[in-house]
């Protein structure tokens, strides 16, 4: 994300957090204990030159929150800030640079692997990296690392037919379970693209929790099926990471939803205008 956009998001998030703190203060004054939002963070890569910054972020996480696994079941204490750490794509850099820092601090994490692209170089837009191999995944400490599905081939699921999407979700689960010899119950959507039909399809296939890229609060119910996540990077500014950690970026979920609704409305209006123009041209062919 460009620096100016990051700065704008940071300023809005700081204002949002200040408002939340003010509300919390009022609640305390009237004898009500304020609740703490829980957050799920997601990374893609942790390059060698960013390992120290990632380690500092994990120290901050332990200072300001309680780490928990992303598959936690049952109610979490609403007065304690809980944070789960996840990684999309299963980058080799995560195994080399992130996992040692997490293990040294006892922080659990979830890695969403692309079952059909293990040990391969992958590229999407500006993102390019090599994924962990099957042997890499087998060697991970299963007490600390949960493996989830990121589909078979990392397609934008919303662009597929229902049968194609079901195959991506079901086959990825089956391939990873065969590889790891244990259940795979979590899935994250490639590119963050999802809709209600895909969520229902994940439930039908057998997943127990799905993860989006909407920066919404997490673990709000004991058996919450759809969880939002906040994107973080090792190069995030210290204040930027802190605000993400404490849930101050959750305002963006409403902004993103509103943006999508406006875009859908604009497209619908264009289609209507296009249809009207087509009808007018049909009635007056000399104008066409």
Protein backbone atom coordinates (compact mmCIF):
# COMPACT_ATOMS: atom_id res chain seq x y z
CA UNK A 1 0.00 0.00 0.00
CA UNK A 2 1.37 3.48 -0.86
CA UNK A 3 2.76 5.45 2.06
CA UNK A 4 0.17 8.23 1.79
CA UNK A 5 -2.70 5.73 1.99
CA UNK A 6 -1.09 4.06 5.00
CA UNK A 7 -0.77 7.47 6.65
CA UNK A 8 -4.42 8.31 6.01
CA UNK A 9 -5.54 4.94 7.42
CA UNK A 10 -3.31 5.46 10.45
CA UNK A 11 -4.76 8.92 11.18
CA UNK A 12 -8.35 7.67 10.88
CA UNK A 13 -7.54 4.63 13.02
CA UNK A 14 -5.91 6.82 15.68
CA UNK A 15 -9.04 9.00 15.79
CA UNK A 16 -11.24 5.92 15.99
CA UNK A 17 -9.10 4.51 18.81
CA UNK A 18 -9.25 7.81 20.70
CA UNK A 19 -13.04 7.68 20.49
CA UNK A 20 -13.05 4.08 21.73
CA UNK A 21 -10.83 5.05 24.66
CA UNK A 22 -13.19 7.91 25.51
CA UNK A 23 -16.19 5.56 25.49
CA UNK A 24 -14.25 3.09 27.67
CA UNK A 25 -13.51 5.87 30.14
CA UNK A 26 -17.18 6.81 30.36
CA UNK A 27 -18.10 3.16 30.91
CA UNK A 28 -15.59 2.87 33.76
CA UNK A 29 -16.95 6.03 35.37
CA UNK A 30 -20.45 4.52 35.48
CA UNK A 31 -19.12 1.20 36.81
CA UNK A 32 -19.14 -0.84 33.60
CA UNK A 33 -16.05 -2.82 32.64
CA UNK A 34 -15.27 -2.22 28.93
CA UNK A 35 -14.76 -5.14 26.59
CA UNK A 36 -11.58 -5.66 24.58
CA UNK A 37 -11.83 -6.54 20.87
CA UNK A 38 -9.92 -9.61 19.75
CA UNK A 39 -8.00 -9.52 16.50
CA UNK A 40 -6.59 -11.97 13.94
CA UNK A 41 -3.46 -10.76 12.16
CA UNK A 42 -2.32 -12.09 8.81
CA UNK A 43 1.06 -11.87 7.12
CA UNK A 44 2.37 -13.10 3.79
CA UNK A 45 6.17 -12.93 3.98
CA UNK A 46 8.85 -12.26 6.60
CA UNK A 47 12.02 -11.53 4.65
CA UNK A 48 15.40 -12.10 6.35
CA UNK A 49 16.05 -8.36 6.57
CA UNK A 50 12.70 -7.90 8.36
CA UNK A 51 13.11 -10.67 10.93
CA UNK A 52 14.17 -8.28 13.71
CA UNK A 53 11.16 -6.05 13.08
CA UNK A 54 8.86 -9.07 13.11
CA UNK A 55 10.40 -10.15 16.42
CA UNK A 56 9.74 -6.68 17.85
CA UNK A 57 6.11 -6.96 16.73
CA UNK A 58 5.75 -10.27 18.53
CA UNK A 59 7.21 -8.70 21.68
CA UNK A 60 4.60 -5.95 21.37
CA UNK A 61 1.90 -8.58 20.90
CA UNK A 62 2.87 -10.27 24.17
CA UNK A 63 2.95 -6.89 25.90
CA UNK A 64 -0.51 -5.77 24.81
CA UNK A 65 -2.49 -8.96 24.19
CA UNK A 66 -2.84 -12.66 24.87
CA UNK A 67 -1.93 -14.92 21.91
CA UNK A 68 -4.34 -17.74 21.08
CA UNK A 69 -4.65 -20.23 18.18
CA UNK A 70 -6.97 -19.33 15.32
CA UNK A 71 -9.01 -22.51 15.84
CA UNK A 72 -9.90 -21.73 19.44
CA UNK A 73 -13.31 -23.11 20.37
CA UNK A 74 -15.47 -21.83 23.16
CA UNK A 75 -15.95 -18.36 24.57
CA UNK A 76 -12.88 -16.20 25.15
CA UNK A 77 -12.72 -13.73 28.02
CA UNK A 78 -14.29 -10.55 26.55
CA UNK A 79 -12.31 -8.38 28.95
CA UNK A 80 -8.94 -9.66 27.70
CA UNK A 81 -7.51 -8.69 24.32
CA UNK A 82 -6.79 -11.88 22.38
CA UNK A 83 -4.76 -12.02 19.18
CA UNK A 84 -4.19 -14.87 16.70
CA UNK A 85 -1.35 -14.87 14.16
CA UNK A 86 -1.86 -16.32 10.68
CA UNK A 87 0.12 -16.52 7.42
CA UNK A 88 -1.29 -16.89 3.90
CA UNK A 89 0.50 -18.88 1.15
CA UNK A 90 3.00 -20.79 3.35
CA UNK A 91 6.03 -18.78 2.25
CA UNK A 92 9.47 -20.29 2.85
CA UNK A 93 10.39 -17.01 4.52
CA UNK A 94 7.82 -17.73 7.21
CA UNK A 95 9.47 -21.06 8.06
CA UNK A 96 12.95 -19.53 8.07
CA UNK A 97 12.33 -16.20 9.80
CA UNK A 98 8.93 -16.06 11.52
CA UNK A 99 8.52 -19.51 13.08
CA UNK A 100 11.76 -19.41 15.13
CA UNK A 101 10.65 -16.09 16.66
CA UNK A 102 7.17 -17.45 17.39
CA UNK A 103 8.52 -20.68 18.89
CA UNK A 104 10.91 -18.79 21.14
CA UNK A 105 7.96 -16.84 22.54
CA UNK A 106 5.43 -19.67 22.62
CA UNK A 107 3.07 -17.89 20.22
CA UNK A 108 0.86 -20.26 18.20
CA UNK A 109 0.11 -19.56 14.56
CA UNK A 110 -1.81 -20.83 11.55
CA UNK A 111 -0.32 -21.25 8.08
CA UNK A 112 -2.70 -21.44 5.14
CA UNK A 113 -1.09 -23.59 2.45
CA UNK A 114 -1.88 -23.86 -1.27
CA UNK A 115 -2.00 -27.64 -1.58
CA UNK A 116 -1.31 -27.82 -5.32
CA UNK A 117 1.61 -25.38 -5.29
CA UNK A 118 3.81 -26.67 -2.48
CA UNK A 119 7.51 -26.04 -2.99
CA UNK A 120 6.90 -23.83 -6.03
CA UNK A 121 7.55 -20.22 -6.99
CA UNK A 122 4.28 -18.29 -6.98
CA UNK A 123 3.53 -14.81 -8.28
CA UNK A 124 0.40 -12.64 -8.04
CA UNK A 125 0.78 -9.03 -9.07
CA UNK A 126 3.77 -7.56 -7.20
CA UNK A 127 3.88 -10.56 -4.85
CA UNK A 128 6.41 -13.27 -5.69
CA UNK A 129 7.78 -15.96 -3.40
CA UNK A 130 8.54 -19.65 -3.01
CA UNK A 131 6.22 -21.77 -0.89
CA UNK A 132 7.11 -24.42 1.65
CA UNK A 133 7.46 -27.96 0.35
CA UNK A 134 5.45 -30.94 1.52
CA UNK A 135 8.40 -32.03 3.68
CA UNK A 136 8.61 -28.54 5.18
CA UNK A 137 4.98 -28.75 6.26
CA UNK A 138 5.43 -32.22 7.73
CA UNK A 139 8.37 -31.03 9.85
CA UNK A 140 6.46 -28.19 11.50
CA UNK A 141 5.68 -28.42 15.20
CA UNK A 142 2.01 -29.40 15.19
CA UNK A 143 1.64 -28.28 18.81
CA UNK A 144 2.44 -24.71 17.79
CA UNK A 145 1.55 -24.53 14.09
CA UNK A 146 -1.88 -25.24 12.62
CA UNK A 147 -2.07 -25.90 8.88
CA UNK A 148 -5.13 -24.58 7.08
CA UNK A 149 -6.25 -24.62 3.46
CA UNK A 150 -5.69 -21.80 0.98
CA UNK A 151 -7.29 -23.85 -1.84
CA UNK A 152 -5.52 -26.03 -4.43
CA UNK A 153 -4.36 -23.41 -6.93
CA UNK A 154 -5.09 -20.01 -5.32
CA UNK A 155 -7.85 -18.84 -7.68
CA UNK A 156 -10.24 -15.98 -7.05
CA UNK A 157 -13.09 -18.19 -5.89
CA UNK A 158 -15.79 -15.65 -6.73
CA UNK A 159 -14.86 -16.00 -10.42
CA UNK A 160 -15.40 -19.79 -10.46
CA UNK A 161 -18.51 -21.86 -10.93
CA UNK A 162 -19.95 -23.51 -7.84
CA UNK A 163 -18.57 -26.89 -8.92
CA UNK A 164 -15.09 -25.44 -9.50
CA UNK A 165 -15.08 -23.65 -6.15
CA UNK A 166 -16.25 -26.81 -4.36
CA UNK A 167 -13.45 -28.79 -5.99
CA UNK A 168 -10.82 -26.23 -4.93
CA UNK A 169 -12.04 -26.29 -1.34
CA UNK A 170 -12.65 -30.03 -1.02
CA UNK A 171 -9.51 -31.22 -2.81
CA UNK A 172 -7.26 -28.90 -0.86
CA UNK A 173 -8.62 -30.24 2.41
CA UNK A 174 -8.20 -33.84 1.24
CA UNK A 175 -4.66 -33.31 -0.06
CA UNK A 176 -3.44 -31.58 3.08
CA UNK A 177 -5.07 -34.16 5.38
CA UNK A 178 -3.41 -36.97 3.44
CA UNK A 179 -0.06 -35.18 3.63
CA UNK A 180 -0.24 -34.30 7.33
CA UNK A 181 -2.25 -37.27 8.59
CA UNK A 182 -4.51 -35.01 10.62
CA UNK A 183 -7.68 -33.01 10.10
CA UNK A 184 -7.64 -29.68 8.28
CA UNK A 185 -10.57 -27.57 9.45
CA UNK A 186 -9.60 -23.97 8.62
CA UNK A 187 -9.57 -22.16 5.28
CA UNK A 188 -8.74 -18.64 4.11
CA UNK A 189 -9.97 -17.12 0.86
CA UNK A 190 -7.35 -16.28 -1.81
CA UNK A 191 -7.21 -12.56 -2.57
CA UNK A 192 -9.80 -12.11 0.19
CA UNK A 193 -12.55 -12.71 -2.38
CA UNK A 194 -15.68 -14.30 -0.94
CA UNK A 195 -19.46 -14.07 -0.72
CA UNK A 196 -22.22 -15.69 1.30
CA UNK A 197 -22.48 -18.59 -1.13
CA UNK A 198 -18.79 -19.44 -0.71
CA UNK A 199 -19.07 -19.26 3.07
CA UNK A 200 -21.98 -21.72 2.92
CA UNK A 201 -19.98 -23.94 0.56
CA UNK A 202 -17.06 -24.05 3.00
CA UNK A 203 -19.42 -25.19 5.73
CA UNK A 204 -20.87 -27.83 3.41
CA UNK A 205 -17.41 -29.15 2.51
CA UNK A 206 -16.59 -29.59 6.20
CA UNK A 207 -14.51 -26.62 7.30
CA UNK A 208 -15.11 -25.43 10.83
CA UNK A 209 -13.96 -21.82 10.38
CA UNK A 210 -13.25 -19.53 7.43
CA UNK A 211 -11.06 -16.44 7.35
CA UNK A 212 -11.55 -13.30 5.30
CA UNK A 213 -9.41 -10.20 4.84
CA UNK A 214 -12.05 -7.84 6.22
CA UNK A 215 -10.51 -6.21 9.33
CA UNK A 216 -13.41 -7.17 11.56
CA UNK A 217 -13.32 -8.25 15.19
CA UNK A 218 -12.75 -11.94 15.90
CA UNK A 219 -13.94 -14.59 18.36
CA UNK A 220 -17.10 -12.64 19.09
CA UNK A 221 -19.08 -15.86 19.58
CA UNK A 222 -18.04 -19.33 20.84
CA UNK A 223 -18.58 -21.02 17.48
CA UNK A 224 -18.00 -18.06 15.14
CA UNK A 225 -17.66 -19.52 11.65
CA UNK A 226 -16.52 -16.48 9.64
CA UNK A 227 -13.66 -14.46 11.09
CA UNK A 228 -12.16 -11.26 9.73
CA UNK A 229 -8.44 -10.51 9.81
CA UNK A 230 -6.19 -7.47 9.74
CA UNK A 231 -3.27 -7.44 7.31
CA UNK A 232 0.09 -6.63 8.86
CA UNK A 233 3.64 -6.49 7.56
CA UNK A 234 6.95 -6.58 9.40
CA UNK A 235 7.68 -3.12 7.98
CA UNK A 236 4.58 -1.56 9.55
CA UNK A 237 5.33 1.53 11.62
CA UNK A 238 5.28 0.92 15.37
CA UNK A 239 2.12 2.99 15.91
CA UNK A 240 0.52 1.41 12.85
CA UNK A 241 1.11 -2.10 14.22
CA UNK A 242 -0.08 -1.13 17.71
CA UNK A 243 -3.34 0.29 16.34
CA UNK A 244 -3.93 -2.87 14.30
CA UNK A 245 -3.17 -4.99 17.36
CA UNK A 246 -5.74 -3.23 19.55
CA UNK A 247 -8.49 -3.36 16.92
CA UNK A 248 -8.38 0.28 15.84
CA UNK A 249 -8.44 -0.66 12.15
CA UNK A 250 -11.79 -2.39 12.35
CA UNK A 251 -13.50 0.76 11.05
CA UNK A 252 -12.15 -0.26 7.64
CA UNK A 253 -14.55 -3.19 7.38
CA UNK A 254 -17.47 -0.74 7.14
CA UNK A 255 -15.57 1.43 4.66
CA UNK A 256 -14.78 -1.60 2.48
CA UNK A 257 -18.37 -2.88 2.56
CA UNK A 258 -19.70 0.58 1.74
CA UNK A 259 -17.22 0.92 -1.14
CA UNK A 260 -18.32 -2.41 -2.61
CA UNK A 261 -21.99 -1.44 -2.33
CA UNK A 262 -21.34 1.87 -4.08
CA UNK A 263 -19.42 0.11 -6.85
CA UNK A 264 -22.21 -2.44 -7.31
CA UNK A 265 -24.77 0.38 -7.43
CA UNK A 266 -22.66 2.25 -10.01
CA UNK A 267 -22.32 -0.87 -12.19
CA UNK A 268 -26.07 -1.51 -11.96
CA UNK A 269 -26.82 2.06 -13.02
CA UNK A 270 -24.44 1.75 -15.97
CA UNK A 271 -26.15 -1.47 -17.05
CA UNK A 272 -29.56 0.19 -16.83
CA UNK A 273 -28.35 3.19 -18.85
CA UNK A 274 -26.76 0.83 -21.36
CA UNK A 275 -30.03 -1.07 -21.69
CA UNK A 276 -32.02 2.14 -22.18
CA UNK A 277 -29.59 3.34 -24.85
CA UNK A 278 -29.78 -0.01 -26.63
CA UNK A 279 -33.59 0.18 -26.67
CA UNK A 280 -33.46 3.76 -28.00
CA UNK A 281 -31.11 2.73 -30.78
CA UNK A 282 -33.40 -0.16 -31.66
CA UNK A 283 -36.36 2.24 -31.91
CA UNK A 284 -34.35 4.76 -33.96
CA UNK A 285 -31.86 2.73 -36.03
CA UNK A 286 -30.82 5.82 -38.03
CA UNK A 287 -29.04 7.08 -34.88
CA UNK A 288 -26.91 3.99 -34.54
